[in-house]
N, C-alpha and C. Protein backbone atom coordinates (compact mmCIF):
# COMPACT_ATOMS: atom_id res chain seq x y z
N HIS A 1 0.76 -1.21 0.02
CA HIS A 1 -0.05 -0.04 -0.01
C HIS A 1 0.86 1.24 0.03
N CYS A 2 1.84 1.26 -0.90
CA CYS A 2 2.68 2.46 -1.07
C CYS A 2 2.42 3.04 -2.48
N ALA A 3 2.86 4.32 -2.62
CA ALA A 3 2.58 4.95 -3.88
C ALA A 3 3.74 5.86 -4.18
N VAL A 4 4.21 5.83 -5.47
CA VAL A 4 5.24 6.78 -6.01
C VAL A 4 4.37 7.51 -7.12
N SER A 5 4.09 8.76 -6.93
CA SER A 5 3.21 9.45 -7.82
C SER A 5 3.76 10.82 -8.00
N ARG A 6 3.62 11.19 -9.37
CA ARG A 6 3.94 12.57 -9.83
C ARG A 6 5.31 13.01 -9.44
N CYS A 7 6.30 12.06 -9.75
CA CYS A 7 7.70 12.40 -9.52
C CYS A 7 8.41 12.45 -10.93
N ASP A 8 9.39 13.32 -10.88
CA ASP A 8 10.27 13.35 -12.11
C ASP A 8 11.66 12.69 -11.76
N PHE A 9 12.07 11.75 -12.53
CA PHE A 9 13.38 11.12 -12.35
C PHE A 9 14.20 11.43 -13.63
N TYR A 10 15.44 11.97 -13.36
CA TYR A 10 16.19 12.44 -14.45
C TYR A 10 17.65 12.14 -14.20
N ASN A 11 18.27 11.54 -15.31
CA ASN A 11 19.70 11.24 -15.20
C ASN A 11 20.03 10.32 -14.03
N ILE A 12 19.44 9.05 -14.15
CA ILE A 12 19.50 8.09 -13.09
C ILE A 12 20.66 7.03 -13.38
N GLY A 13 21.42 6.64 -12.46
CA GLY A 13 22.45 5.75 -12.68
C GLY A 13 21.93 4.27 -12.97
N ALA A 14 20.86 3.84 -12.37
CA ALA A 14 20.34 2.54 -12.63
C ALA A 14 18.77 2.66 -12.93
N SER A 15 17.98 2.04 -12.20
CA SER A 15 16.56 2.06 -12.26
C SER A 15 16.01 3.25 -11.47
N ALA A 16 14.98 3.90 -12.05
CA ALA A 16 14.22 4.97 -11.27
C ALA A 16 13.51 4.39 -10.06
N VAL A 17 12.70 3.33 -10.25
CA VAL A 17 11.91 2.75 -9.18
C VAL A 17 12.15 1.24 -9.20
N THR A 18 12.43 0.70 -8.07
CA THR A 18 12.52 -0.75 -7.96
C THR A 18 11.57 -1.32 -6.85
N ILE A 19 10.86 -2.22 -7.27
CA ILE A 19 9.84 -2.87 -6.29
C ILE A 19 10.35 -4.30 -6.12
N ALA A 20 10.96 -4.65 -5.00
CA ALA A 20 11.74 -5.96 -4.80
C ALA A 20 11.06 -6.78 -3.69
N GLY A 21 10.31 -7.75 -4.12
CA GLY A 21 9.82 -8.76 -3.10
C GLY A 21 10.53 -10.05 -3.30
N GLU A 22 10.01 -11.06 -2.55
CA GLU A 22 10.52 -12.37 -2.70
C GLU A 22 9.44 -13.33 -3.09
N ASN A 23 9.67 -14.44 -3.77
CA ASN A 23 8.73 -15.34 -4.33
C ASN A 23 8.21 -16.16 -3.19
N LEU A 24 7.39 -15.59 -2.36
CA LEU A 24 6.81 -16.35 -1.21
C LEU A 24 5.44 -16.85 -1.55
N GLN A 25 4.97 -17.66 -0.67
CA GLN A 25 3.51 -18.09 -0.88
C GLN A 25 2.63 -16.93 -0.70
N ASP A 26 1.50 -16.88 -1.45
CA ASP A 26 0.74 -15.57 -1.60
C ASP A 26 0.10 -15.20 -0.20
N ASP A 27 -0.08 -16.24 0.72
CA ASP A 27 -0.66 -15.82 1.94
C ASP A 27 0.36 -15.50 3.07
N ASN A 28 1.59 -15.35 2.63
CA ASN A 28 2.64 -14.90 3.58
C ASN A 28 2.50 -13.44 3.84
N PRO A 29 2.52 -13.04 5.16
CA PRO A 29 2.13 -11.63 5.42
C PRO A 29 3.27 -10.64 4.95
N THR A 30 4.36 -11.18 4.54
CA THR A 30 5.43 -10.27 4.10
C THR A 30 5.53 -10.16 2.56
N VAL A 31 4.54 -10.79 1.83
CA VAL A 31 4.49 -10.50 0.43
C VAL A 31 4.30 -9.05 -0.02
N VAL A 32 5.05 -8.54 -0.95
CA VAL A 32 4.92 -7.22 -1.43
C VAL A 32 3.68 -7.10 -2.24
N HIS A 33 2.86 -6.21 -1.99
CA HIS A 33 1.61 -5.98 -2.72
C HIS A 33 1.17 -4.49 -2.66
N HIS A 34 0.28 -4.23 -3.65
CA HIS A 34 -0.44 -2.89 -3.70
C HIS A 34 0.58 -1.75 -3.68
N ILE A 35 1.59 -1.81 -4.65
CA ILE A 35 2.49 -0.71 -4.79
C ILE A 35 2.11 -0.04 -6.11
N ASP A 36 1.92 1.13 -6.09
CA ASP A 36 1.51 1.91 -7.23
C ASP A 36 2.57 2.97 -7.79
N VAL A 37 2.91 2.94 -9.04
CA VAL A 37 3.83 3.97 -9.63
C VAL A 37 3.09 4.59 -10.65
N THR A 38 2.67 5.84 -10.53
CA THR A 38 1.74 6.40 -11.53
C THR A 38 2.09 7.88 -11.63
N ASN A 39 1.87 8.36 -12.91
CA ASN A 39 2.02 9.71 -13.34
C ASN A 39 3.45 10.28 -13.05
N CYS A 40 4.44 9.40 -13.29
CA CYS A 40 5.76 9.81 -13.22
C CYS A 40 6.48 9.98 -14.55
N ARG A 41 7.57 10.80 -14.58
CA ARG A 41 8.31 10.87 -15.85
C ARG A 41 9.71 10.39 -15.49
N ILE A 42 10.19 9.47 -16.23
CA ILE A 42 11.51 8.87 -16.09
C ILE A 42 12.22 9.07 -17.35
N GLU A 43 13.39 9.79 -17.17
CA GLU A 43 14.10 10.28 -18.44
C GLU A 43 15.57 10.02 -18.15
N LYS A 44 16.29 9.41 -19.12
CA LYS A 44 17.83 9.33 -18.99
C LYS A 44 18.08 8.27 -17.79
N TYR A 45 17.51 7.12 -17.76
CA TYR A 45 17.80 6.09 -16.80
C TYR A 45 19.00 5.19 -17.32
N GLY A 46 19.55 4.45 -16.28
CA GLY A 46 20.63 3.48 -16.82
C GLY A 46 21.88 4.18 -17.10
N ARG A 47 22.22 5.34 -16.61
CA ARG A 47 23.39 6.01 -17.07
C ARG A 47 24.65 5.38 -16.55
N VAL A 48 24.63 4.66 -15.47
CA VAL A 48 25.94 3.96 -14.99
C VAL A 48 25.73 2.42 -15.23
N PHE A 49 24.65 1.86 -14.93
CA PHE A 49 24.38 0.43 -15.19
C PHE A 49 23.38 0.39 -16.32
N ASN A 50 23.91 0.31 -17.51
CA ASN A 50 23.10 0.36 -18.75
C ASN A 50 21.94 -0.54 -18.82
N TYR A 51 22.04 -1.77 -18.10
CA TYR A 51 21.04 -2.77 -18.29
C TYR A 51 19.87 -2.64 -17.31
N ALA A 52 19.88 -1.44 -16.61
CA ALA A 52 18.77 -1.05 -15.63
C ALA A 52 17.46 -0.77 -16.42
N THR A 53 16.38 -1.02 -15.74
CA THR A 53 15.08 -0.67 -16.43
C THR A 53 14.51 0.61 -15.73
N GLY A 54 13.60 1.29 -16.42
CA GLY A 54 12.98 2.44 -15.88
C GLY A 54 12.22 2.07 -14.57
N ILE A 55 11.40 1.07 -14.57
CA ILE A 55 10.59 0.48 -13.44
C ILE A 55 10.84 -0.96 -13.46
N LEU A 56 11.32 -1.51 -12.16
CA LEU A 56 11.57 -2.82 -12.12
C LEU A 56 10.72 -3.37 -10.94
N LEU A 57 9.90 -4.40 -11.32
CA LEU A 57 9.04 -5.06 -10.27
C LEU A 57 9.41 -6.52 -10.22
N MET A 58 9.84 -6.98 -9.03
CA MET A 58 10.24 -8.30 -8.87
C MET A 58 9.30 -9.05 -7.68
N HIS A 59 8.62 -9.93 -7.98
CA HIS A 59 7.81 -10.77 -7.02
C HIS A 59 6.91 -9.97 -6.10
N ALA A 60 5.90 -9.39 -6.80
CA ALA A 60 4.91 -8.56 -6.14
C ALA A 60 3.60 -8.73 -6.79
N ASN A 61 2.49 -8.41 -6.22
CA ASN A 61 1.23 -8.57 -6.77
C ASN A 61 0.28 -7.43 -6.58
N ARG A 62 -0.82 -7.30 -7.44
CA ARG A 62 -1.80 -6.25 -7.23
C ARG A 62 -1.15 -4.80 -7.20
N CYS A 63 -0.24 -4.65 -8.15
CA CYS A 63 0.39 -3.30 -8.23
C CYS A 63 0.05 -2.70 -9.49
N SER A 64 0.04 -1.23 -9.62
CA SER A 64 -0.33 -0.54 -10.65
C SER A 64 0.90 0.17 -11.17
N LEU A 65 1.33 0.01 -12.48
CA LEU A 65 2.39 0.83 -13.10
C LEU A 65 1.73 1.54 -14.31
N SER A 66 1.31 2.72 -14.05
CA SER A 66 0.31 3.37 -14.95
C SER A 66 0.57 4.82 -15.17
N ASN A 67 0.27 5.23 -16.40
CA ASN A 67 0.28 6.71 -16.68
C ASN A 67 1.69 7.34 -16.49
N ASN A 68 2.66 6.62 -16.74
CA ASN A 68 4.07 7.06 -16.62
C ASN A 68 4.63 7.37 -18.07
N GLU A 69 5.58 8.26 -18.12
CA GLU A 69 6.37 8.56 -19.40
C GLU A 69 7.81 8.09 -19.12
N ILE A 70 8.27 7.14 -19.89
CA ILE A 70 9.57 6.68 -19.71
C ILE A 70 10.30 6.66 -21.03
N HIS A 71 11.44 7.30 -21.07
CA HIS A 71 12.27 7.38 -22.35
C HIS A 71 13.75 7.57 -22.11
N ASP A 72 14.53 7.36 -23.05
CA ASP A 72 15.97 7.62 -23.12
C ASP A 72 16.69 6.77 -22.09
N GLY A 73 16.44 5.38 -22.17
CA GLY A 73 17.17 4.47 -21.44
C GLY A 73 17.78 3.35 -22.27
N TYR A 74 18.77 2.73 -21.91
CA TYR A 74 19.49 1.58 -22.76
C TYR A 74 18.84 0.21 -22.64
N TYR A 75 17.80 0.08 -21.85
CA TYR A 75 17.16 -1.21 -21.64
C TYR A 75 15.64 -1.03 -21.48
N SER A 76 14.99 -2.04 -21.04
CA SER A 76 13.55 -2.02 -20.87
C SER A 76 12.96 -0.86 -20.10
N GLY A 77 11.88 -0.42 -20.52
CA GLY A 77 11.14 0.70 -19.96
C GLY A 77 10.55 0.16 -18.47
N ILE A 78 9.75 -0.84 -18.60
CA ILE A 78 9.09 -1.60 -17.47
C ILE A 78 9.48 -3.07 -17.54
N SER A 79 9.90 -3.62 -16.43
CA SER A 79 10.09 -5.04 -16.26
C SER A 79 9.35 -5.61 -15.13
N ALA A 80 8.61 -6.69 -15.36
CA ALA A 80 7.71 -7.08 -14.25
C ALA A 80 7.62 -8.59 -14.23
N GLY A 81 7.83 -9.21 -13.06
CA GLY A 81 7.65 -10.70 -12.86
C GLY A 81 8.92 -11.27 -12.09
N TRP A 82 9.82 -11.90 -12.72
CA TRP A 82 11.09 -12.34 -12.25
C TRP A 82 11.16 -13.83 -11.84
N SER A 83 10.07 -14.68 -12.36
CA SER A 83 10.22 -16.11 -12.18
C SER A 83 10.26 -16.69 -13.60
N TRP A 84 11.34 -17.41 -13.92
CA TRP A 84 11.46 -18.05 -15.23
C TRP A 84 10.54 -19.19 -15.38
N GLY A 85 9.97 -19.44 -16.44
CA GLY A 85 9.21 -20.62 -16.69
C GLY A 85 7.87 -20.77 -16.16
N TYR A 86 7.33 -21.94 -16.02
CA TYR A 86 5.95 -22.27 -15.62
C TYR A 86 5.75 -22.52 -14.18
N GLY A 87 6.78 -22.35 -13.38
CA GLY A 87 6.72 -22.65 -11.94
C GLY A 87 5.96 -21.62 -11.19
N TYR A 88 5.94 -21.88 -9.90
CA TYR A 88 5.12 -20.86 -9.06
C TYR A 88 5.73 -19.54 -9.10
N SER A 89 4.82 -18.59 -9.13
CA SER A 89 5.16 -17.14 -9.02
C SER A 89 4.02 -16.40 -8.19
N VAL A 90 4.60 -15.67 -7.25
CA VAL A 90 3.70 -14.81 -6.40
C VAL A 90 3.17 -13.59 -7.19
N THR A 91 3.79 -13.29 -8.31
CA THR A 91 3.43 -12.16 -9.15
C THR A 91 2.06 -12.49 -9.89
N HIS A 92 1.01 -11.57 -9.63
CA HIS A 92 -0.18 -11.69 -10.25
C HIS A 92 -0.96 -10.36 -10.23
N ASP A 93 -2.03 -10.22 -11.06
CA ASP A 93 -2.90 -9.05 -11.01
C ASP A 93 -2.13 -7.70 -11.02
N LEU A 94 -1.18 -7.56 -11.92
CA LEU A 94 -0.49 -6.32 -12.15
C LEU A 94 -1.41 -5.54 -13.21
N SER A 95 -1.37 -4.25 -13.09
CA SER A 95 -2.06 -3.32 -14.03
C SER A 95 -1.03 -2.45 -14.61
N ILE A 96 -0.65 -2.71 -15.89
CA ILE A 96 0.43 -1.84 -16.55
C ILE A 96 -0.30 -1.10 -17.70
N ARG A 97 -0.74 0.02 -17.48
CA ARG A 97 -1.64 0.75 -18.24
C ARG A 97 -1.28 2.16 -18.63
N ASN A 98 -1.53 2.58 -19.88
CA ASN A 98 -1.46 3.95 -20.22
C ASN A 98 -0.12 4.58 -20.04
N ASN A 99 0.90 3.82 -20.17
CA ASN A 99 2.27 4.39 -20.21
C ASN A 99 2.73 4.73 -21.58
N ILE A 100 3.57 5.77 -21.65
CA ILE A 100 4.17 6.18 -22.92
C ILE A 100 5.70 5.77 -22.75
N ILE A 101 6.23 4.85 -23.59
CA ILE A 101 7.56 4.50 -23.49
C ILE A 101 8.28 4.55 -24.88
N TYR A 102 9.33 5.27 -24.98
CA TYR A 102 9.92 5.53 -26.24
C TYR A 102 11.33 5.94 -26.16
N ASP A 103 12.00 5.79 -27.36
CA ASP A 103 13.48 6.04 -27.40
C ASP A 103 14.36 5.23 -26.47
N ILE A 104 14.06 3.95 -26.34
CA ILE A 104 14.87 3.10 -25.39
C ILE A 104 15.76 2.12 -26.26
N GLY A 105 16.70 1.57 -25.53
CA GLY A 105 17.69 0.65 -26.15
C GLY A 105 18.77 1.38 -26.73
N ARG A 106 18.39 2.39 -27.64
CA ARG A 106 19.41 3.31 -28.17
C ARG A 106 20.48 2.69 -28.94
N GLY A 107 20.29 1.42 -29.41
CA GLY A 107 21.19 0.60 -30.16
C GLY A 107 22.45 0.12 -29.32
N ALA A 108 22.25 0.08 -27.95
CA ALA A 108 23.38 -0.31 -27.07
C ALA A 108 23.27 -1.78 -26.61
N LEU A 109 22.12 -2.30 -26.30
CA LEU A 109 21.92 -3.67 -25.72
C LEU A 109 20.94 -4.39 -26.54
N SER A 110 20.74 -5.70 -26.24
CA SER A 110 19.82 -6.64 -26.88
C SER A 110 18.88 -7.24 -25.93
N ASP A 111 17.80 -7.82 -26.44
CA ASP A 111 16.81 -8.72 -25.57
C ASP A 111 16.08 -7.81 -24.63
N MET A 112 15.43 -6.89 -25.14
CA MET A 112 14.63 -5.90 -24.25
C MET A 112 13.31 -5.62 -24.79
N GLY A 113 12.42 -5.08 -24.04
CA GLY A 113 11.15 -4.51 -24.51
C GLY A 113 10.71 -3.31 -23.90
N GLY A 114 9.95 -2.54 -24.55
CA GLY A 114 9.32 -1.35 -23.88
C GLY A 114 8.65 -1.81 -22.50
N ILE A 115 7.91 -2.87 -22.62
CA ILE A 115 7.40 -3.60 -21.43
C ILE A 115 7.92 -5.11 -21.54
N TYR A 116 8.52 -5.53 -20.49
CA TYR A 116 9.05 -6.95 -20.50
C TYR A 116 8.47 -7.72 -19.20
N THR A 117 7.95 -8.82 -19.50
CA THR A 117 7.42 -9.65 -18.45
C THR A 117 8.09 -11.00 -18.37
N LEU A 118 7.93 -11.70 -17.26
CA LEU A 118 8.65 -12.97 -17.08
C LEU A 118 7.73 -13.82 -16.10
N GLY A 119 7.47 -15.00 -16.48
CA GLY A 119 6.82 -15.96 -15.51
C GLY A 119 5.30 -15.89 -15.64
N VAL A 120 4.66 -16.78 -14.81
CA VAL A 120 3.18 -16.78 -14.78
C VAL A 120 2.73 -15.58 -13.96
N GLN A 121 1.73 -14.90 -14.49
CA GLN A 121 1.19 -13.65 -13.89
C GLN A 121 -0.28 -13.61 -14.07
N LYS A 122 -1.00 -14.46 -13.48
CA LYS A 122 -2.49 -14.63 -13.71
C LYS A 122 -3.14 -13.25 -13.42
N GLY A 123 -3.92 -12.78 -14.25
CA GLY A 123 -4.62 -11.49 -14.09
C GLY A 123 -3.94 -10.23 -14.40
N THR A 124 -2.71 -10.34 -14.90
CA THR A 124 -2.01 -9.15 -15.24
C THR A 124 -2.50 -8.55 -16.47
N VAL A 125 -2.70 -7.28 -16.71
CA VAL A 125 -3.20 -6.56 -17.86
C VAL A 125 -2.16 -5.51 -18.39
N ILE A 126 -1.85 -5.66 -19.63
CA ILE A 126 -1.10 -4.62 -20.24
C ILE A 126 -1.94 -3.89 -21.21
N SER A 127 -2.32 -2.73 -21.02
CA SER A 127 -3.35 -2.03 -21.73
C SER A 127 -3.10 -0.54 -21.99
N GLY A 128 -3.51 0.00 -23.17
CA GLY A 128 -3.48 1.36 -23.37
C GLY A 128 -2.11 2.00 -23.41
N ASN A 129 -1.07 1.31 -23.58
CA ASN A 129 0.32 1.81 -23.67
C ASN A 129 0.71 2.19 -25.05
N ILE A 130 1.50 3.31 -25.13
CA ILE A 130 2.06 3.68 -26.48
C ILE A 130 3.55 3.41 -26.34
N ILE A 131 4.05 2.62 -27.19
CA ILE A 131 5.43 2.20 -27.25
C ILE A 131 6.05 2.40 -28.65
N HIS A 132 7.16 3.08 -28.71
CA HIS A 132 7.71 3.23 -30.10
C HIS A 132 9.27 3.52 -29.89
N ASP A 133 9.98 3.22 -31.07
CA ASP A 133 11.29 3.44 -31.12
C ASP A 133 12.19 2.69 -29.86
N VAL A 134 11.99 1.42 -29.94
CA VAL A 134 12.76 0.44 -29.21
C VAL A 134 13.81 -0.11 -30.10
N VAL A 135 15.14 0.22 -29.86
CA VAL A 135 16.17 -0.16 -30.82
C VAL A 135 17.23 -0.97 -30.15
N CYS A 136 17.45 -2.15 -30.65
CA CYS A 136 18.45 -3.10 -29.94
C CYS A 136 19.87 -2.84 -30.64
N TYR A 137 20.85 -3.43 -30.01
CA TYR A 137 22.18 -3.31 -30.59
C TYR A 137 22.28 -3.82 -31.95
N GLY A 138 22.81 -2.99 -32.88
CA GLY A 138 23.02 -3.32 -34.26
C GLY A 138 21.69 -3.52 -35.01
N GLU A 139 20.56 -2.97 -34.28
CA GLU A 139 19.29 -3.16 -34.90
C GLU A 139 19.12 -4.72 -35.20
N THR A 140 18.67 -5.02 -36.47
CA THR A 140 18.43 -6.49 -36.79
C THR A 140 19.62 -7.19 -37.42
N GLU A 141 20.65 -6.46 -37.74
CA GLU A 141 21.81 -7.14 -38.47
C GLU A 141 22.64 -7.92 -37.60
N PHE A 142 22.89 -7.35 -36.34
CA PHE A 142 23.83 -8.17 -35.38
C PHE A 142 23.15 -8.52 -34.11
N GLY A 143 22.40 -7.55 -33.54
CA GLY A 143 21.79 -7.84 -32.28
C GLY A 143 20.38 -8.39 -32.46
N TYR A 144 19.69 -8.57 -31.39
CA TYR A 144 18.25 -9.05 -31.43
C TYR A 144 17.44 -8.50 -30.30
N GLY A 145 16.16 -8.43 -30.42
CA GLY A 145 15.37 -8.17 -29.33
C GLY A 145 15.07 -6.70 -29.01
N GLY A 146 14.79 -5.88 -29.98
CA GLY A 146 14.28 -4.57 -29.74
C GLY A 146 12.79 -4.67 -29.93
N TRP A 147 12.03 -5.19 -28.95
CA TRP A 147 10.63 -5.43 -29.00
C TRP A 147 9.85 -4.42 -28.28
N GLY A 148 8.57 -4.21 -28.67
CA GLY A 148 7.64 -3.28 -28.08
C GLY A 148 7.12 -3.96 -26.71
N VAL A 149 6.49 -5.07 -26.81
CA VAL A 149 6.14 -5.88 -25.62
C VAL A 149 6.85 -7.15 -25.70
N HIS A 150 7.57 -7.55 -24.68
CA HIS A 150 8.40 -8.75 -24.77
C HIS A 150 7.89 -9.66 -23.60
N LEU A 151 7.07 -10.64 -24.02
CA LEU A 151 6.57 -11.63 -23.03
C LEU A 151 7.57 -12.79 -22.99
N ASP A 152 8.51 -12.80 -22.02
CA ASP A 152 9.58 -13.69 -22.12
C ASP A 152 9.23 -14.92 -21.29
N GLU A 153 10.17 -15.74 -20.98
CA GLU A 153 10.00 -17.11 -20.56
C GLU A 153 8.86 -17.39 -19.59
N GLY A 154 7.98 -18.17 -20.03
CA GLY A 154 6.86 -18.63 -19.19
C GLY A 154 5.70 -17.58 -18.86
N THR A 155 5.70 -16.40 -19.51
CA THR A 155 4.67 -15.44 -19.22
C THR A 155 3.32 -16.07 -19.62
N SER A 156 2.45 -16.11 -18.66
CA SER A 156 1.14 -16.79 -18.88
C SER A 156 -0.01 -16.02 -18.23
N TYR A 157 -1.23 -16.25 -18.72
CA TYR A 157 -2.51 -15.69 -18.32
C TYR A 157 -2.46 -14.19 -18.19
N VAL A 158 -1.86 -13.59 -19.21
CA VAL A 158 -1.70 -12.13 -19.24
C VAL A 158 -2.54 -11.59 -20.51
N THR A 159 -3.14 -10.47 -20.26
CA THR A 159 -3.84 -9.81 -21.45
C THR A 159 -3.17 -8.67 -21.91
N VAL A 160 -3.02 -8.56 -23.21
CA VAL A 160 -2.27 -7.49 -23.85
C VAL A 160 -3.37 -6.85 -24.84
N GLU A 161 -3.92 -5.71 -24.47
CA GLU A 161 -4.98 -5.11 -25.29
C GLU A 161 -4.92 -3.64 -25.42
N ASN A 162 -5.39 -3.15 -26.47
CA ASN A 162 -5.56 -1.66 -26.63
C ASN A 162 -4.26 -0.87 -26.61
N ASN A 163 -3.17 -1.56 -27.11
CA ASN A 163 -1.82 -0.84 -27.08
C ASN A 163 -1.52 -0.34 -28.57
N LEU A 164 -0.79 0.73 -28.65
CA LEU A 164 -0.22 1.20 -29.89
C LEU A 164 1.36 0.97 -29.81
N ILE A 165 1.81 0.11 -30.74
CA ILE A 165 3.29 -0.18 -30.71
C ILE A 165 3.86 -0.14 -32.14
N TYR A 166 4.89 0.74 -32.31
CA TYR A 166 5.33 0.97 -33.67
C TYR A 166 6.89 1.29 -33.65
N GLU A 167 7.40 1.09 -34.81
CA GLU A 167 8.79 1.44 -35.11
C GLU A 167 9.75 0.84 -34.06
N CYS A 168 9.75 -0.37 -33.84
CA CYS A 168 10.66 -1.11 -33.07
C CYS A 168 11.70 -1.84 -34.04
N SER A 169 12.86 -2.10 -33.54
CA SER A 169 13.90 -2.70 -34.44
C SER A 169 13.64 -4.16 -34.68
N SER A 170 12.94 -4.87 -33.85
CA SER A 170 12.47 -6.19 -34.02
C SER A 170 11.04 -6.36 -34.30
N GLN A 171 10.20 -6.90 -33.48
CA GLN A 171 8.81 -6.97 -33.55
C GLN A 171 8.07 -6.01 -32.54
N GLY A 172 6.78 -5.78 -32.84
CA GLY A 172 6.02 -5.04 -31.90
C GLY A 172 5.77 -5.92 -30.73
N LEU A 173 5.38 -7.21 -30.87
CA LEU A 173 5.06 -8.16 -29.90
C LEU A 173 5.89 -9.39 -29.97
N HIS A 174 6.69 -9.76 -28.93
CA HIS A 174 7.42 -10.94 -28.86
C HIS A 174 6.97 -11.83 -27.79
N ILE A 175 6.55 -13.15 -28.07
CA ILE A 175 6.28 -14.09 -27.11
C ILE A 175 7.36 -15.21 -27.16
N ASN A 176 8.18 -15.27 -26.17
CA ASN A 176 9.19 -16.42 -26.16
C ASN A 176 8.44 -17.69 -26.04
N TYR A 177 7.86 -17.95 -24.92
CA TYR A 177 6.84 -19.12 -24.73
C TYR A 177 5.98 -18.75 -23.58
N GLY A 178 4.78 -19.25 -23.68
CA GLY A 178 3.73 -18.95 -22.62
C GLY A 178 2.50 -19.74 -22.76
N ASP A 179 1.63 -19.48 -21.95
CA ASP A 179 0.31 -20.25 -21.89
C ASP A 179 -0.79 -19.30 -21.81
N SER A 180 -1.79 -19.43 -22.58
CA SER A 180 -3.14 -18.70 -22.41
C SER A 180 -2.95 -17.26 -22.41
N ILE A 181 -2.12 -16.65 -23.30
CA ILE A 181 -1.97 -15.22 -23.35
C ILE A 181 -3.03 -14.65 -24.29
N LEU A 182 -3.79 -13.67 -23.89
CA LEU A 182 -4.76 -13.06 -24.72
C LEU A 182 -4.31 -11.74 -25.31
N VAL A 183 -4.23 -11.68 -26.63
CA VAL A 183 -3.81 -10.39 -27.40
C VAL A 183 -4.93 -9.96 -28.21
N ARG A 184 -5.40 -8.82 -27.97
CA ARG A 184 -6.56 -8.18 -28.76
C ARG A 184 -6.64 -6.75 -28.88
N ASN A 185 -7.10 -6.37 -29.99
CA ASN A 185 -7.44 -4.84 -30.20
C ASN A 185 -6.15 -4.02 -30.07
N ASN A 186 -4.96 -4.53 -30.59
CA ASN A 186 -3.86 -3.77 -30.45
C ASN A 186 -3.42 -3.24 -31.90
N ILE A 187 -2.67 -2.19 -32.03
CA ILE A 187 -2.13 -1.79 -33.40
C ILE A 187 -0.65 -1.94 -33.26
N PHE A 188 -0.05 -2.89 -34.10
CA PHE A 188 1.34 -3.02 -34.31
C PHE A 188 1.72 -2.57 -35.65
N ALA A 189 2.71 -1.80 -35.81
CA ALA A 189 3.00 -1.23 -37.12
C ALA A 189 4.43 -0.85 -37.25
N LEU A 190 4.92 -0.91 -38.52
CA LEU A 190 6.23 -0.32 -38.94
C LEU A 190 7.47 -0.83 -38.16
N SER A 191 7.34 -2.04 -37.54
CA SER A 191 8.65 -2.62 -36.90
C SER A 191 9.40 -3.32 -37.92
N LYS A 192 10.69 -3.29 -37.88
CA LYS A 192 11.61 -3.66 -38.99
C LYS A 192 11.59 -5.12 -39.16
N ASP A 193 11.39 -5.99 -38.17
CA ASP A 193 11.64 -7.40 -38.35
C ASP A 193 10.28 -8.13 -38.37
N GLY A 194 9.20 -7.44 -38.39
CA GLY A 194 7.82 -7.96 -38.41
C GLY A 194 7.11 -7.37 -37.33
N GLN A 195 5.80 -7.76 -37.14
CA GLN A 195 4.94 -7.26 -36.14
C GLN A 195 4.73 -7.99 -34.97
N VAL A 196 4.60 -9.33 -35.04
CA VAL A 196 4.35 -10.26 -33.96
C VAL A 196 5.12 -11.53 -34.26
N VAL A 197 5.75 -12.17 -33.18
CA VAL A 197 6.37 -13.42 -33.36
C VAL A 197 6.19 -14.22 -32.11
N VAL A 198 6.02 -15.55 -32.22
CA VAL A 198 5.97 -16.54 -31.22
C VAL A 198 7.22 -17.48 -31.38
N ASP A 199 8.03 -17.58 -30.45
CA ASP A 199 9.24 -18.33 -30.69
C ASP A 199 9.12 -19.85 -30.63
N ARG A 200 8.44 -20.36 -29.50
CA ARG A 200 8.44 -21.74 -29.30
C ARG A 200 7.00 -22.32 -29.44
N LYS A 201 6.84 -23.37 -30.29
CA LYS A 201 5.71 -24.05 -30.50
C LYS A 201 5.40 -25.07 -29.39
N GLU A 202 4.27 -24.95 -28.60
CA GLU A 202 4.13 -25.91 -27.61
C GLU A 202 2.79 -26.57 -27.80
N ASP A 203 2.49 -27.68 -26.96
CA ASP A 203 1.25 -28.44 -27.17
C ASP A 203 0.07 -27.59 -26.80
N HIS A 204 0.13 -26.77 -25.72
CA HIS A 204 -1.01 -25.88 -25.36
C HIS A 204 -1.08 -24.74 -26.27
N SER A 205 -2.08 -23.89 -26.00
CA SER A 205 -2.31 -22.76 -26.73
C SER A 205 -1.40 -21.50 -26.09
N SER A 206 -0.49 -21.09 -26.83
CA SER A 206 0.28 -19.91 -26.34
C SER A 206 -0.59 -18.64 -26.21
């Protein structure tokens, strides 16, 4: 039940905001929950540690990361989850909405997204975001992974809807592998390596 609201972060060495919990059972009283980061401006992050994200959320639930403007960083704008694969994750019911994320990557690193998720996150919604100009190292010739929304290993039960994503160096939407992801009513346009890609074919519906 904490809030970071209406703050300007400028020229940050690493991440502007870090929400760091542990992957505990959901009924544990020390689980991190209900942290809201809203209406903030994050500009020029990752100036010392280039792989830092604008907002980093690890092992927390029922949080809102919304209405923020994030730009001019070398890695992902928002990163949420932090459990690889289909195993247990305390992360669920995140609201990642109405953020503007642009001019990130800057051709310096690879394997990033305007919004990056990891692991099972039942009830998480990524909606109403505008993401553009995510550029990985070497763009598509040498590097990889300048994605708008990057649903990485095991991301599952997430809804991606009503987003506008364009002019990324890879694809607008990248699903590494996942289960029961709902993607609807988005606009993906003008990305250099295609608009949507699913890496791993599995027996269930990705």
